[in-house]
């Protein structure tokens, strides 16, 4: 998964990778992994995150949504529509 570069990105920003499938009203399969951007990603480059096979197994046979949420201390980036990516539907088989 690639989180594209954004102009106000700081090394202390946290990116939460979310894989979510709603089976029924009270039954949700959810995987959330939150990591700091850190110093390893140079300015202008996207942040890369991996999802391992073991983390995908609960979603086998389903079509979960994959998206990320950026948590930052930058005040102009507080709007939800700036901090949450578009949701993509995946097929896990």
Protein backbone atom coordinates (compact mmCIF):
# COMPACT_ATOMS: atom_id res chain seq x y z
CA UNK A 1 0.00 0.00 0.00
CA UNK A 2 1.29 3.45 -0.87
CA UNK A 3 0.28 6.58 1.02
CA UNK A 4 1.17 9.44 -1.34
CA UNK A 5 3.33 12.35 -0.26
CA UNK A 6 1.51 15.36 1.21
CA UNK A 7 3.12 18.78 1.65
CA UNK A 8 2.62 19.05 5.45
CA UNK A 9 4.01 15.57 6.24
CA UNK A 10 6.13 15.33 9.37
CA UNK A 11 8.20 12.35 10.62
CA UNK A 12 5.94 12.18 13.70
CA UNK A 13 2.76 11.75 11.65
CA UNK A 14 1.01 8.42 12.08
CA UNK A 15 -0.57 6.51 9.21
CA UNK A 16 -3.18 3.89 10.10
CA UNK A 17 -3.72 1.22 7.48
CA UNK A 18 -7.25 -0.16 7.80
CA UNK A 19 -8.68 -3.32 6.27
CA UNK A 20 -12.39 -3.63 7.12
CA UNK A 21 -15.28 -5.88 6.18
CA UNK A 22 -18.79 -5.66 7.64
CA UNK A 23 -20.34 -9.16 7.64
CA UNK A 24 -23.52 -8.12 9.39
CA UNK A 25 -24.76 -5.38 11.70
CA UNK A 26 -22.75 -6.58 14.72
CA UNK A 27 -20.03 -8.61 12.99
CA UNK A 28 -17.01 -6.78 11.60
CA UNK A 29 -13.65 -8.16 10.52
CA UNK A 30 -11.05 -5.47 11.14
CA UNK A 31 -7.30 -5.08 10.87
CA UNK A 32 -5.69 -1.76 11.85
CA UNK A 33 -1.97 -1.12 11.82
CA UNK A 34 -0.71 2.30 12.91
CA UNK A 35 2.90 3.31 12.35
CA UNK A 36 4.82 6.59 12.39
CA UNK A 37 6.06 7.96 9.08
CA UNK A 38 9.57 8.27 10.55
CA UNK A 39 12.76 9.62 8.98
CA UNK A 40 13.23 6.79 6.46
CA UNK A 41 10.94 8.25 3.79
CA UNK A 42 12.53 11.20 1.95
CA UNK A 43 10.50 14.30 1.23
CA UNK A 44 8.42 13.94 -1.90
CA UNK A 45 8.23 10.14 -1.78
CA UNK A 46 5.21 8.03 -0.79
CA UNK A 47 5.14 5.97 2.40
CA UNK A 48 4.98 2.22 1.75
CA UNK A 49 3.25 -0.27 4.04
CA UNK A 50 2.98 -4.04 3.73
CA UNK A 51 0.10 -6.30 4.66
CA UNK A 52 1.29 -9.82 5.41
CA UNK A 53 -0.53 -13.01 4.46
CA UNK A 54 -1.35 -13.86 8.09
CA UNK A 55 -3.12 -10.50 8.44
CA UNK A 56 -5.17 -11.20 5.29
CA UNK A 57 -6.36 -14.70 6.29
CA UNK A 58 -9.45 -13.56 8.29
CA UNK A 59 -10.66 -11.78 5.11
CA UNK A 60 -10.34 -14.83 2.83
CA UNK A 61 -13.41 -15.14 0.60
CA UNK A 62 -14.61 -11.60 1.37
CA UNK A 63 -14.26 -8.21 -0.34
CA UNK A 64 -12.95 -5.84 2.38
CA UNK A 65 -12.33 -2.12 2.09
CA UNK A 66 -8.72 -0.92 2.28
CA UNK A 67 -7.92 2.67 3.23
CA UNK A 68 -5.59 4.72 5.40
CA UNK A 69 -6.03 7.55 7.87
CA UNK A 70 -3.35 10.16 8.57
CA UNK A 71 -3.01 11.52 12.11
CA UNK A 72 -1.02 14.74 12.22
CA UNK A 73 -0.52 17.71 14.52
CA UNK A 74 -0.66 20.12 11.57
CA UNK A 75 -3.74 22.29 12.19
CA UNK A 76 -4.71 22.82 8.54
CA UNK A 77 -5.00 19.06 8.08
CA UNK A 78 -7.72 18.46 10.67
CA UNK A 79 -10.61 18.00 8.24
CA UNK A 80 -11.65 14.36 7.89
CA UNK A 81 -11.72 14.50 4.10
CA UNK A 82 -8.03 15.50 4.07
CA UNK A 83 -6.94 12.76 6.45
CA UNK A 84 -8.77 9.70 5.11
CA UNK A 85 -8.01 8.13 1.75
CA UNK A 86 -10.59 6.86 -0.68
CA UNK A 87 -11.69 3.34 0.14
CA UNK A 88 -10.75 0.57 -2.27
CA UNK A 89 -12.55 -2.75 -2.35
CA UNK A 90 -10.23 -5.77 -2.56
CA UNK A 91 -10.95 -9.39 -3.33
CA UNK A 92 -9.11 -11.73 -0.97
CA UNK A 93 -8.90 -15.33 -2.17
